[in-house]
PDB file of N, CA and C in Angstrom:
ATOM      1  N   MET A   1       0.716  -0.757  -0.146  1.00  0.00           N
ATOM      2  CA  MET A   1      -0.260  -0.004   0.027  1.00  0.00           C
ATOM      3  C   MET A   1       0.658   1.253  -0.037  1.00  0.00           C
ATOM      4  N   SER A   2       1.014   2.068  -0.763  1.00  0.00           N
ATOM      5  CA  SER A   2       1.367   3.609  -1.501  1.00  0.00           C
ATOM      6  C   SER A   2       1.085   4.499   0.026  1.00  0.00           C
ATOM      7  N   GLU A   3       2.179   5.613   0.383  1.00  0.00           N
ATOM      8  CA  GLU A   3       2.158   6.384   1.824  1.00  0.00           C
ATOM      9  C   GLU A   3       1.002   7.534   1.472  1.00  0.00           C
ATOM     10  N   TRP A   4      -0.061   6.922   2.464  1.00  0.00           N
ATOM     11  CA  TRP A   4      -1.219   8.093   2.421  1.00  0.00           C
ATOM     12  C   TRP A   4      -0.574   9.288   3.481  1.00  0.00           C
ATOM     13  N   THR A   5      -1.023  10.225   2.402  1.00  0.00           N
ATOM     14  CA  THR A   5      -1.236  11.558   2.638  1.00  0.00           C
ATOM     15  C   THR A   5      -2.547  12.393   3.135  1.00  0.00           C
ATOM     16  N   PRO A   6      -2.620  13.154   4.120  1.00  0.00           N
ATOM     17  CA  PRO A   6      -4.700  14.137   4.122  1.00  0.00           C
ATOM     18  C   PRO A   6      -4.701  15.000   3.662  1.00  0.00           C
ATOM     19  N   ASN A   7      -5.311  15.196   3.663  1.00  0.00           N
ATOM     20  CA  ASN A   7      -5.466  16.786   2.809  1.00  0.00           C
ATOM     21  C   ASN A   7      -4.811  17.890   3.692  1.00  0.00           C
ATOM     22  N   PRO A   8      -4.637  18.797   3.068  1.00  0.00           N
ATOM     23  CA  PRO A   8      -4.000  19.707   4.165  1.00  0.00           C
ATOM     24  C   PRO A   8      -5.095  20.332   4.581  1.00  0.00           C
ATOM     25  N   ARG A   9      -4.634  20.986   5.981  1.00  0.00           N
ATOM     26  CA  ARG A   9      -4.939  21.145   7.321  1.00  0.00           C
ATOM     27  C   ARG A   9      -4.844  22.919   7.752  1.00  0.00           C
ATOM     28  N   PRO A  10      -5.467  23.676   7.643  1.00  0.00           N
ATOM     29  CA  PRO A  10      -4.819  25.142   8.537  1.00  0.00           C
ATOM     30  C   PRO A  10      -4.169  25.109   9.656  1.00  0.00           C
ATOM     31  N   PRO A  11      -3.522  26.350  10.010  1.00  0.00           N
ATOM     32  CA  PRO A  11      -2.837  25.611  10.710  1.00  0.00           C
ATOM     33  C   PRO A  11      -3.288  25.980  12.117  1.00  0.00           C
ATOM     34  N   ASP A  12      -4.157  26.262  12.520  1.00  0.00           N
ATOM     35  CA  ASP A  12      -5.039  26.350  13.624  1.00  0.00           C
ATOM     36  C   ASP A  12      -5.682  25.325  13.712  1.00  0.00           C
ATOM     37  N   ASP A  13      -5.915  24.239  13.154  1.00  0.00           N
ATOM     38  CA  ASP A  13      -6.647  23.170  13.128  1.00  0.00           C
ATOM     39  C   ASP A  13      -6.244  22.240  14.237  1.00  0.00           C
ATOM     40  N   THR A  14      -7.929  21.869  15.368  1.00  0.00           N
ATOM     41  CA  THR A  14      -7.537  20.954  16.557  1.00  0.00           C
ATOM     42  C   THR A  14      -8.193  19.870  16.639  1.00  0.00           C
ATOM     43  N   SER A  15      -8.396  19.762  15.061  1.00  0.00           N
ATOM     44  CA  SER A  15      -8.726  17.930  15.148  1.00  0.00           C
ATOM     45  C   SER A  15      -7.980  16.964  15.606  1.00  0.00           C
ATOM     46  N   VAL A  16      -8.583  15.983  16.294  1.00  0.00           N
ATOM     47  CA  VAL A  16      -8.020  14.586  16.884  1.00  0.00           C
ATOM     48  C   VAL A  16      -6.950  13.743  16.342  1.00  0.00           C
ATOM     49  N   VAL A  17      -6.763  14.131  15.460  1.00  0.00           N
ATOM     50  CA  VAL A  17      -6.370  12.696  14.264  1.00  0.00           C
ATOM     51  C   VAL A  17      -5.359  13.537  13.814  1.00  0.00           C
ATOM     52  N   GLN A  18      -4.204  13.162  13.696  1.00  0.00           N
ATOM     53  CA  GLN A  18      -2.847  13.398  13.071  1.00  0.00           C
ATOM     54  C   GLN A  18      -2.295  13.379  12.566  1.00  0.00           C
ATOM     55  N   GLU A  19      -1.561  13.823  11.971  1.00  0.00           N
ATOM     56  CA  GLU A  19      -0.928  14.156   9.994  1.00  0.00           C
ATOM     57  C   GLU A  19      -0.590  13.376   9.790  1.00  0.00           C
ATOM     58  N   HIS A  20       0.457  12.143  10.083  1.00  0.00           N
ATOM     59  CA  HIS A  20       0.631  10.709   9.440  1.00  0.00           C
ATOM     60  C   HIS A  20      -0.546   9.511  10.527  1.00  0.00           C
ATOM     61  N   ARG A  21      -0.646   8.550   9.734  1.00  0.00           N
ATOM     62  CA  ARG A  21      -1.240   7.314  10.707  1.00  0.00           C
ATOM     63  C   ARG A  21      -0.886   6.377   9.918  1.00  0.00           C
ATOM     64  N   ASN A  22      -0.534   5.295  10.880  1.00  0.00           N
ATOM     65  CA  ASN A  22       0.012   4.402  10.469  1.00  0.00           C
ATOM     66  C   ASN A  22      -1.393   3.123   9.778  1.00  0.00           C
ATOM     67  N   TRP A  23      -0.695   2.045   9.765  1.00  0.00           N
ATOM     68  CA  TRP A  23      -1.976   1.298   8.642  1.00  0.00           C
ATOM     69  C   TRP A  23      -3.448   0.901   9.061  1.00  0.00           C
ATOM     70  N   PHE A  24      -2.785   1.023  10.704  1.00  0.00           N
ATOM     71  CA  PHE A  24      -4.193   0.573  11.422  1.00  0.00           C
ATOM     72  C   PHE A  24      -4.823   1.060  11.297  1.00  0.00           C
ATOM     73  N   GLN A  25      -3.761   3.132  11.950  1.00  0.00           N
ATOM     74  CA  GLN A  25      -5.911   3.371  12.073  1.00  0.00           C
ATOM     75  C   GLN A  25      -5.792   4.487  10.951  1.00  0.00           C
ATOM     76  N   LEU A  26      -5.739   3.772   9.760  1.00  0.00           N
ATOM     77  CA  LEU A  26      -6.056   4.413   8.403  1.00  0.00           C
ATOM     78  C   LEU A  26      -6.985   3.811   7.899  1.00  0.00           C
ATOM     79  N   GLN A  27      -7.377   2.215   8.620  1.00  0.00           N
ATOM     80  CA  GLN A  27      -8.110   1.124   7.931  1.00  0.00           C
ATOM     81  C   GLN A  27      -9.473   1.180   9.772  1.00  0.00           C
ATOM     82  N   ILE A  28      -9.207   1.902  10.555  1.00  0.00           N
ATOM     83  CA  ILE A  28     -10.119   3.263  11.420  1.00  0.00           C
ATOM     84  C   ILE A  28     -10.897   4.044  10.744  1.00  0.00           C
ATOM     85  N   VAL A  29     -10.428   5.061   9.810  1.00  0.00           N
ATOM     86  CA  VAL A  29     -10.759   6.160   9.785  1.00  0.00           C
ATOM     87  C   VAL A  29     -11.395   5.562   8.602  1.00  0.00           C
ATOM     88  N   LEU A  30     -10.587   4.547   7.828  1.00  0.00           N
ATOM     89  CA  LEU A  30     -11.343   4.567   6.580  1.00  0.00           C
ATOM     90  C   LEU A  30     -13.109   3.464   7.062  1.00  0.00           C
ATOM     91  N   LEU A  31     -13.242   2.730   7.729  1.00  0.00           N
ATOM     92  CA  LEU A  31     -13.798   2.056   8.590  1.00  0.00           C
ATOM     93  C   LEU A  31     -15.653   3.102   9.067  1.00  0.00           C
ATOM     94  N   ILE A  32     -14.347   4.338   9.992  1.00  0.00           N
ATOM     95  CA  ILE A  32     -15.731   5.404  10.738  1.00  0.00           C
ATOM     96  C   ILE A  32     -16.444   6.158   9.056  1.00  0.00           C
ATOM     97  N   CYS A  33     -15.924   5.847   7.998  1.00  0.00           N
ATOM     98  CA  CYS A  33     -15.847   7.062   7.281  1.00  0.00           C
ATOM     99  C   CYS A  33     -16.811   6.489   6.396  1.00  0.00           C
ATOM    100  N   ARG A  34     -17.308   4.969   6.045  1.00  0.00           N
ATOM    101  CA  ARG A  34     -18.461   4.102   5.719  1.00  0.00           C
ATOM    102  C   ARG A  34     -19.591   4.326   6.507  1.00  0.00           C
ATOM    103  N   PHE A  35     -19.598   5.168   8.020  1.00  0.00           N
ATOM    104  CA  PHE A  35     -20.716   5.080   8.782  1.00  0.00           C
ATOM    105  C   PHE A  35     -20.856   6.501   8.948  1.00  0.00           C
ATOM    106  N   THR A  36     -20.018   7.604   8.340  1.00  0.00           N
ATOM    107  CA  THR A  36     -20.981   9.089   8.850  1.00  0.00           C
ATOM    108  C   THR A  36     -20.984   9.520   7.185  1.00  0.00           C
ATOM    109  N   PRO A  37     -21.518  10.347   6.736  1.00  0.00           N
ATOM    110  CA  PRO A  37     -21.323  11.446   6.112  1.00  0.00           C
ATOM    111  C   PRO A  37     -20.211  11.869   5.708  1.00  0.00           C
ATOM    112  N   THR A  38     -20.036  12.217   4.013  1.00  0.00           N
ATOM    113  CA  THR A  38     -19.235  12.058   3.354  1.00  0.00           C
ATOM    114  C   THR A  38     -19.122  14.268   4.285  1.00  0.00           C
ATOM    115  N   CYS A  39     -18.077  15.060   3.316  1.00  0.00           N
ATOM    116  CA  CYS A  39     -18.734  16.173   3.462  1.00  0.00           C
ATOM    117  C   CYS A  39     -19.778  17.026   2.650  1.00  0.00           C
ATOM    118  N   PRO A  40     -19.524  16.158   0.854  1.00  0.00           N
ATOM    119  CA  PRO A  40     -20.961  17.111   0.600  1.00  0.00           C
ATOM    120  C   PRO A  40     -21.720  17.129   1.411  1.00  0.00           C
ATOM    121  N   GLU A  41     -21.970  15.278   2.140  1.00  0.00           N
ATOM    122  CA  GLU A  41     -23.309  15.559   2.226  1.00  0.00           C
ATOM    123  C   GLU A  41     -23.495  15.998   3.547  1.00  0.00           C
ATOM    124  N   VAL A  42     -22.253  16.862   3.843  1.00  0.00           N
ATOM    125  CA  VAL A  42     -22.183  16.749   5.490  1.00  0.00           C
ATOM    126  C   VAL A  42     -22.760  18.707   5.002  1.00  0.00           C
ATOM    127  N   VAL A  43     -22.327  19.087   4.389  1.00  0.00           N
ATOM    128  CA  VAL A  43     -23.077  20.790   3.621  1.00  0.00           C
ATOM    129  C   VAL A  43     -24.220  20.711   3.285  1.00  0.00           C
ATOM    130  N   ARG A  44     -25.045  19.763   3.151  1.00  0.00           N
ATOM    131  CA  ARG A  44     -26.461  18.953   3.039  1.00  0.00           C
ATOM    132  C   ARG A  44     -27.488  18.994   4.380  1.00  0.00           C
ATOM    133  N   ILE A  45     -26.887  18.097   4.851  1.00  0.00           N
ATOM    134  CA  ILE A  45     -27.436  17.989   6.524  1.00  0.00           C
ATOM    135  C   ILE A  45     -27.321  19.400   7.884  1.00  0.00           C
ATOM    136  N   LEU A  46     -26.399  20.263   7.254  1.00  0.00           N
ATOM    137  CA  LEU A  46     -25.726  21.537   8.298  1.00  0.00           C
ATOM    138  C   LEU A  46     -27.128  22.780   6.973  1.00  0.00           C
ATOM    139  N   SER A  47     -27.656  22.688   6.240  1.00  0.00           N
ATOM    140  CA  SER A  47     -28.359  23.085   5.820  1.00  0.00           C
ATOM    141  C   SER A  47     -29.982  22.447   6.437  1.00  0.00           C
ATOM    142  N   LEU A  48     -30.073  21.264   6.521  1.00  0.00           N
ATOM    143  CA  LEU A  48     -31.471  21.601   6.700  1.00  0.00           C
ATOM    144  C   LEU A  48     -31.596  21.534   8.280  1.00  0.00           C
ATOM    145  N   GLY A  49     -30.272  21.333   9.034  1.00  0.00           N
ATOM    146  CA  GLY A  49     -30.280  21.760  10.394  1.00  0.00           C
ATOM    147  C   GLY A  49     -30.639  22.792  10.605  1.00  0.00           C
ATOM    148  N   MET A  50     -30.704  24.100  10.127  1.00  0.00           N
ATOM    149  CA  MET A  50     -31.429  25.059   9.374  1.00  0.00           C
ATOM    150  C   MET A  50     -32.261  25.514  10.084  1.00  0.00           C
ATOM    151  N   ASP A  51     -33.047  24.378   9.553  1.00  0.00           N
ATOM    152  CA  ASP A  51     -34.199  24.382   9.427  1.00  0.00           C
ATOM    153  C   ASP A  51     -35.427  23.764   9.940  1.00  0.00           C
ATOM    154  N   LYS A  52     -34.639  22.488  10.927  1.00  0.00           N
ATOM    155  CA  LYS A  52     -35.381  21.531  11.439  1.00  0.00           C
ATOM    156  C   LYS A  52     -34.279  20.738  12.545  1.00  0.00           C
ATOM    157  N   GLN A  53     -35.003  20.115  13.544  1.00  0.00           N
ATOM    158  CA  GLN A  53     -33.701  19.728  14.471  1.00  0.00           C
ATOM    159  C   GLN A  53     -33.102  17.881  13.851  1.00  0.00           C
ATOM    160  N   LEU A  54     -32.425  17.936  14.588  1.00  0.00           N
ATOM    161  CA  LEU A  54     -31.658  17.073  13.676  1.00  0.00           C
ATOM    162  C   LEU A  54     -31.746  16.281  14.514  1.00  0.00           C
ATOM    163  N   SER A  55     -31.823  14.666  13.927  1.00  0.00           N
ATOM    164  CA  SER A  55     -31.958  13.047  14.908  1.00  0.00           C
ATOM    165  C   SER A  55     -30.971  12.861  16.082  1.00  0.00           C
ATOM    166  N   LEU A  56     -30.934  12.617  16.438  1.00  0.00           N
ATOM    167  CA  LEU A  56     -29.320  12.390  17.594  1.00  0.00           C
ATOM    168  C   LEU A  56     -28.443  11.893  16.715  1.00  0.00           C
ATOM    169  N   MET A  57     -29.017  10.474  16.349  1.00  0.00           N
ATOM    170  CA  MET A  57     -28.683   9.865  15.725  1.00  0.00           C
ATOM    171  C   MET A  57     -27.278  10.721  14.294  1.00  0.00           C
ATOM    172  N   MET A  58     -27.485  11.174  13.563  1.00  0.00           N
ATOM    173  CA  MET A  58     -27.082  12.377  12.912  1.00  0.00           C
ATOM    174  C   MET A  58     -26.463  12.995  13.268  1.00  0.00           C
ATOM    175  N   ARG A  59     -26.496  13.661  14.445  1.00  0.00           N
ATOM    176  CA  ARG A  59     -25.848  14.641  15.122  1.00  0.00           C
ATOM    177  C   ARG A  59     -24.206  13.992  15.996  1.00  0.00           C
ATOM    178  N   MET A  60     -24.311  12.613  16.340  1.00  0.00           N
ATOM    179  CA  MET A  60     -23.054  12.072  16.725  1.00  0.00           C
ATOM    180  C   MET A  60     -22.615  11.885  15.727  1.00  0.00           C
ATOM    181  N   LYS A  61     -23.750  11.445  14.245  1.00  0.00           N
ATOM    182  CA  LYS A  61     -22.075  11.251  12.497  1.00  0.00           C
ATOM    183  C   LYS A  61     -21.828  12.590  12.297  1.00  0.00           C
ATOM    184  N   LEU A  62     -22.485  13.506  12.685  1.00  0.00           N
ATOM    185  CA  LEU A  62     -21.675  14.932  11.891  1.00  0.00           C
ATOM    186  C   LEU A  62     -20.282  15.086  13.719  1.00  0.00           C
ATOM    187  N   ARG A  63     -20.535  14.894  14.524  1.00  0.00           N
ATOM    188  CA  ARG A  63     -19.234  14.906  15.625  1.00  0.00           C
ATOM    189  C   ARG A  63     -18.011  14.029  15.167  1.00  0.00           C
ATOM    190  N   ILE A  64     -18.792  12.412  14.910  1.00  0.00           N
ATOM    191  CA  ILE A  64     -17.550  11.499  14.600  1.00  0.00           C
ATOM    192  C   ILE A  64     -17.103  12.207  13.113  1.00  0.00           C
ATOM    193  N   HIS A  65     -17.508  12.924  12.425  1.00  0.00           N
ATOM    194  CA  HIS A  65     -17.044  13.629  11.099  1.00  0.00           C
ATOM    195  C   HIS A  65     -16.199  15.010  11.491  1.00  0.00           C
ATOM    196  N   TYR A  66     -16.494  15.725  12.298  1.00  0.00           N
ATOM    197  CA  TYR A  66     -16.141  16.812  12.595  1.00  0.00           C
ATOM    198  C   TYR A  66     -14.387  16.567  13.056  1.00  0.00           C
ATOM    199  N   LEU A  67     -14.861  15.079  13.659  1.00  0.00           N
ATOM    200  CA  LEU A  67     -12.974  14.817  14.075  1.00  0.00           C
ATOM    201  C   LEU A  67     -11.970  14.207  13.407  1.00  0.00           C
ATOM    202  N   MET A  68     -12.347  14.025  12.141  1.00  0.00           N
ATOM    203  CA  MET A  68     -11.638  13.397  11.280  1.00  0.00           C
ATOM    204  C   MET A  68     -11.534  15.078   9.802  1.00  0.00           C
ATOM    205  N   CYS A  69     -12.307  16.150   9.968  1.00  0.00           N
ATOM    206  CA  CYS A  69     -12.142  17.102   8.652  1.00  0.00           C
ATOM    207  C   CYS A  69     -12.400  18.382   9.470  1.00  0.00           C
ATOM    208  N   SER A  70     -11.699  18.924   9.981  1.00  0.00           N
ATOM    209  CA  SER A  70     -11.576  20.293  10.562  1.00  0.00           C
ATOM    210  C   SER A  70     -12.474  21.427   9.633  1.00  0.00           C
ATOM    211  N   PHE A  71     -12.184  20.858   8.000  1.00  0.00           N
ATOM    212  CA  PHE A  71     -13.196  21.826   7.346  1.00  0.00           C
ATOM    213  C   PHE A  71     -14.343  21.893   7.034  1.00  0.00           C
ATOM    214  N   CYS A  72     -15.312  20.589   7.843  1.00  0.00           N
ATOM    215  CA  CYS A  72     -16.514  21.008   8.100  1.00  0.00           C
ATOM    216  C   CYS A  72     -17.151  21.465   8.731  1.00  0.00           C
ATOM    217  N   GLU A  73     -15.639  20.992  10.234  1.00  0.00           N
ATOM    218  CA  GLU A  73     -16.259  21.676  11.733  1.00  0.00           C
ATOM    219  C   GLU A  73     -16.367  23.013  11.141  1.00  0.00           C
ATOM    220  N   ARG A  74     -15.181  24.341  10.724  1.00  0.00           N
ATOM    221  CA  ARG A  74     -14.970  25.285  10.689  1.00  0.00           C
ATOM    222  C   ARG A  74     -16.796  25.489  10.036  1.00  0.00           C
ATOM    223  N   TYR A  75     -16.778  24.866   8.403  1.00  0.00           N
ATOM    224  CA  TYR A  75     -18.664  25.381   7.667  1.00  0.00           C
ATOM    225  C   TYR A  75     -19.373  25.664   8.954  1.00  0.00           C
ATOM    226  N   MET A  76     -19.652  24.447   9.883  1.00  0.00           N
ATOM    227  CA  MET A  76     -20.676  25.023  10.758  1.00  0.00           C
ATOM    228  C   MET A  76     -20.191  25.088  11.811  1.00  0.00           C
ATOM    229  N   LYS A  77     -19.147  26.389  12.062  1.00  0.00           N
ATOM    230  CA  LYS A  77     -19.392  27.014  12.983  1.00  0.00           C
ATOM    231  C   LYS A  77     -19.586  28.602  11.941  1.00  0.00           C
ATOM    232  N   GLN A  78     -18.826  28.827  10.652  1.00  0.00           N
ATOM    233  CA  GLN A  78     -19.913  29.717  10.759  1.00  0.00           C
ATOM    234  C   GLN A  78     -21.100  29.988   9.908  1.00  0.00           C
ATOM    235  N   LEU A  79     -21.661  28.419   9.648  1.00  0.00           N
ATOM    236  CA  LEU A  79     -23.131  29.314   9.396  1.00  0.00           C
ATOM    237  C   LEU A  79     -23.929  29.060  10.448  1.00  0.00           C
ATOM    238  N   LYS A  80     -23.561  28.880  11.704  1.00  0.00           N
ATOM    239  CA  LYS A  80     -23.541  29.317  13.451  1.00  0.00           C
ATOM    240  C   LYS A  80     -23.642  30.556  13.587  1.00  0.00           C
ATOM    241  N   TYR A  81     -22.519  31.332  12.825  1.00  0.00           N
ATOM    242  CA  TYR A  81     -21.898  32.247  13.341  1.00  0.00           C
ATOM    243  C   TYR A  81     -23.676  33.524  12.105  1.00  0.00           C
ATOM    244  N   ILE A  82     -23.503  33.195  10.976  1.00  0.00           N
ATOM    245  CA  ILE A  82     -24.320  34.097  10.202  1.00  0.00           C
ATOM    246  C   ILE A  82     -25.501  33.995  10.621  1.00  0.00           C
ATOM    247  N   ARG A  83     -25.807  32.711  11.405  1.00  0.00           N
ATOM    248  CA  ARG A  83     -27.028  32.494  11.645  1.00  0.00           C
ATOM    249  C   ARG A  83     -27.551  34.030  13.364  1.00  0.00           C
ATOM    250  N   GLN A  84     -27.014  33.736  14.306  1.00  0.00           N
ATOM    251  CA  GLN A  84     -26.467  34.791  15.177  1.00  0.00           C
ATOM    252  C   GLN A  84     -26.680  35.979  14.712  1.00  0.00           C
ATOM    253  N   VAL A  85     -25.473  36.603  13.487  1.00  0.00           N
ATOM    254  CA  VAL A  85     -25.406  37.819  13.187  1.00  0.00           C
ATOM    255  C   VAL A  85     -27.009  37.906  12.582  1.00  0.00           C
ATOM    256  N   SER A  86     -27.413  37.034  11.743  1.00  0.00           N
ATOM    257  CA  SER A  86     -28.834  37.652  11.364  1.00  0.00           C
ATOM    258  C   SER A  86     -30.279  37.745  12.450  1.00  0.00           C
ATOM    259  N   ARG A  87     -29.540  37.540  12.917  1.00  0.00           N
ATOM    260  CA  ARG A  87     -31.038  37.172  14.109  1.00  0.00           C
ATOM    261  C   ARG A  87     -30.868  38.251  15.007  1.00  0.00           C
ATOM    262  N   GLU A  88     -29.019  39.257  14.867  1.00  0.00           N
ATOM    263  CA  GLU A  88     -29.696  40.426  15.749  1.00  0.00           C
ATOM    264  C   GLU A  88     -29.890  41.883  14.093  1.00  0.00           C
ATOM    265  N   PHE A  89     -30.064  41.462  13.444  1.00  0.00           N
ATOM    266  CA  PHE A  89     -30.132  41.870  12.106  1.00  0.00           C
ATOM    267  C   PHE A  89     -31.283  43.230  12.531  1.00  0.00           C
ATOM    268  N   PRO A  90     -32.772  43.360  12.812  1.00  0.00           N
ATOM    269  CA  PRO A  90     -33.974  43.426  12.995  1.00  0.00           C
ATOM    270  C   PRO A  90     -33.077  45.093  13.560  1.00  0.00           C
ATOM    271  N   GLU A  91     -32.516  44.162  14.981  1.00  0.00           N
ATOM    272  CA  GLU A  91     -32.111  45.500  16.066  1.00  0.00           C
ATOM    273  C   GLU A  91     -31.021  46.622  15.338  1.00  0.00           C
ATOM    274  N   LYS A  92     -30.700  45.984  14.459  1.00  0.00           N
ATOM    275  CA  LYS A  92     -29.105  46.996  13.865  1.00  0.00           C
ATOM    276  C   LYS A  92     -29.683  47.905  12.652  1.00  0.00           C
ATOM    277  N   ILE A  93     -31.342  47.714  11.725  1.00  0.00           N
ATOM    278  CA  ILE A  93     -31.185  47.954  11.002  1.00  0.00           C
ATOM    279  C   ILE A  93     -31.230  49.609  10.926  1.00  0.00           C
ATOM    280  N   GLY A  94     -31.237  50.530  12.149  1.00  0.00           N
ATOM    281  CA  GLY A  94     -31.138  52.016  11.867  1.00  0.00           C
ATOM    282  C   GLY A  94     -30.218  52.091  12.179  1.00  0.00           C
ATOM    283  N   GLU A  95     -28.727  51.255  12.095  1.00  0.00           N
ATOM    284  CA  GLU A  95     -27.440  51.840  11.921  1.00  0.00           C
ATOM    285  C   GLU A  95     -26.764  51.770  10.473  1.00  0.00           C
ATOM    286  N   VAL A  96     -28.337  51.083   9.589  1.00  0.00           N
ATOM    287  CA  VAL A  96     -28.003  51.976   8.262  1.00  0.00           C
ATOM    288  C   VAL A  96     -27.714  52.291   7.304  1.00  0.00           C
ATOM    289  N   SER A  97     -26.749  52.825   6.811  1.00  0.00           N
ATOM    290  CA  SER A  97     -26.978  54.834   6.340  1.00  0.00           C
ATOM    291  C   SER A  97     -28.176  54.517   4.650  1.00  0.00           C
ATOM    292  N   ASP A  98     -28.083  55.557   4.827  1.00  0.00           N
ATOM    293  CA  ASP A  98     -29.566  56.175   3.840  1.00  0.00           C
ATOM    294  C   ASP A  98     -28.541  57.171   2.554  1.00  0.00           C
ATOM    295  N   ALA A  99     -27.569  56.338   2.036  1.00  0.00           N
ATOM    296  CA  ALA A  99     -26.949  57.225   1.597  1.00  0.00           C
ATOM    297  C   ALA A  99     -27.470  56.341   0.369  1.00  0.00           C
ATOM    298  N   LYS A 100     -27.208  57.723  -0.495  1.00  0.00           N
ATOM    299  CA  LYS A 100     -27.374  57.148  -1.833  1.00  0.00           C
ATOM    300  C   LYS A 100     -26.401  56.540  -2.877  1.00  0.00           C
ATOM    301  N   LEU A 101     -26.447  56.200  -4.018  1.00  0.00           N
ATOM    302  CA  LEU A 101     -24.939  56.493  -5.173  1.00  0.00           C
ATOM    303  C   LEU A 101     -25.807  57.439  -5.819  1.00  0.00           C
ATOM    304  N   PRO A 102     -24.670  58.608  -6.232  1.00  0.00           N
ATOM    305  CA  PRO A 102     -24.626  59.630  -6.906  1.00  0.00           C
ATOM    306  C   PRO A 102     -25.055  59.245  -8.518  1.00  0.00           C
ATOM    307  N   ALA A 103     -26.201  60.235  -9.151  1.00  0.00           N
ATOM    308  CA  ALA A 103     -26.183  60.394 -10.532  1.00  0.00           C
ATOM    309  C   ALA A 103     -25.157  59.348 -11.534  1.00  0.00           C
ATOM    310  N   GLU A 104     -24.424  60.827 -11.270  1.00  0.00           N
ATOM    311  CA  GLU A 104     -22.960  60.456 -11.937  1.00  0.00           C
ATOM    312  C   GLU A 104     -21.954  59.060 -12.200  1.00  0.00           C
ATOM    313  N   ALA A 105     -22.295  58.727 -10.848  1.00  0.00           N
ATOM    314  CA  ALA A 105     -22.024  57.301 -10.474  1.00  0.00           C
ATOM    315  C   ALA A 105     -22.644  56.168 -11.273  1.00  0.00           C
ATOM    316  N   LYS A 106     -24.063  56.337 -11.264  1.00  0.00           N
ATOM    317  CA  LYS A 106     -25.019  55.394 -12.006  1.00  0.00           C
ATOM    318  C   LYS A 106     -25.317  55.499 -13.640  1.00  0.00           C
ATOM    319  N   GLN A 107     -24.797  56.654 -13.845  1.00  0.00           N
ATOM    320  CA  GLN A 107     -24.632  57.140 -15.555  1.00  0.00           C
ATOM    321  C   GLN A 107     -23.146  55.825 -15.515  1.00  0.00           C
ATOM    322  N   ARG A 108     -22.496  56.179 -15.004  1.00  0.00           N
ATOM    323  CA  ARG A 108     -21.298  55.069 -15.576  1.00  0.00           C
ATOM    324  C   ARG A 108     -21.229  53.797 -15.192  1.00  0.00           C
ATOM    325  N   LEU A 109     -21.646  53.835 -13.801  1.00  0.00           N
ATOM    326  CA  LEU A 109     -21.957  51.706 -14.091  1.00  0.00           C
ATOM    327  C   LEU A 109     -22.790  51.656 -14.908  1.00  0.00           C
ATOM    328  N   LYS A 110     -24.117  52.368 -16.246  1.00  0.00           N
ATOM    329  CA  LYS A 110     -25.230  51.790 -17.011  1.00  0.00           C
ATOM    330  C   LYS A 110     -23.773  51.403 -17.966  1.00  0.00           C
ATOM    331  N   GLU A 111     -23.042  52.898 -18.485  1.00  0.00           N
ATOM    332  CA  GLU A 111     -22.433  52.768 -19.966  1.00  0.00           C
ATOM    333  C   GLU A 111     -21.393  51.441 -19.189  1.00  0.00           C
ATOM    334  N   ALA A 112     -20.575  51.315 -18.530  1.00  0.00           N
ATOM    335  CA  ALA A 112     -19.852  50.238 -18.093  1.00  0.00           C
ATOM    336  C   ALA A 112     -20.764  49.298 -18.633  1.00  0.00           C
ATOM    337  N   LEU A 113     -21.609  48.780 -17.970  1.00  0.00           N
ATOM    338  CA  LEU A 113     -22.182  47.554 -18.644  1.00  0.00           C
ATOM    339  C   LEU A 113     -22.805  47.064 -20.066  1.00  0.00           C
ATOM    340  N   ARG A 114     -23.089  48.084 -20.090  1.00  0.00           N
ATOM    341  CA  ARG A 114     -23.415  48.557 -22.404  1.00  0.00           C
ATOM    342  C   ARG A 114     -22.090  47.623 -22.708  1.00  0.00           C
ATOM    343  N   GLN A 115     -20.822  47.820 -22.262  1.00  0.00           N
ATOM    344  CA  GLN A 115     -20.066  47.638 -23.363  1.00  0.00           C
ATOM    345  C   GLN A 115     -19.075  46.307 -22.820  1.00  0.00           C
TER     346      GLN A 115
END
C-alpha cells in the first residue's frame, strides 16, 4: 500500500487525528468513513439542520465526522455565526446608512455594463 497523505489542514486545526497515520489507524478511519456522511452530505445536512432539529444519531455522525474533517467543522461554525448575526439584524437596521449612489456614478455603471 502506498504512503497515504491527508488533505492539507489549516494551521489552527485542533482536530484529534494526527497528520500521519499508520496502516491500522488508516483502516479505522476508513471504517468510520463508511458510517459517517461525506463532506458534500455534511453541507446538505447542515443546511437542513437550520430548518429543523436533526436526529440524535445524525448529530453523533456529524460529531464523528468533525473529528476527521476540520473543514466541515469550520463550515458549521460559520453557519452558526451567520445565523446569529442575521438574528441581530432587525435590531441594527437603524444603524444602516441611507446614502444613495450619485447620479453620475449610476450613469458610469450603466455605460460600463453596456460595453
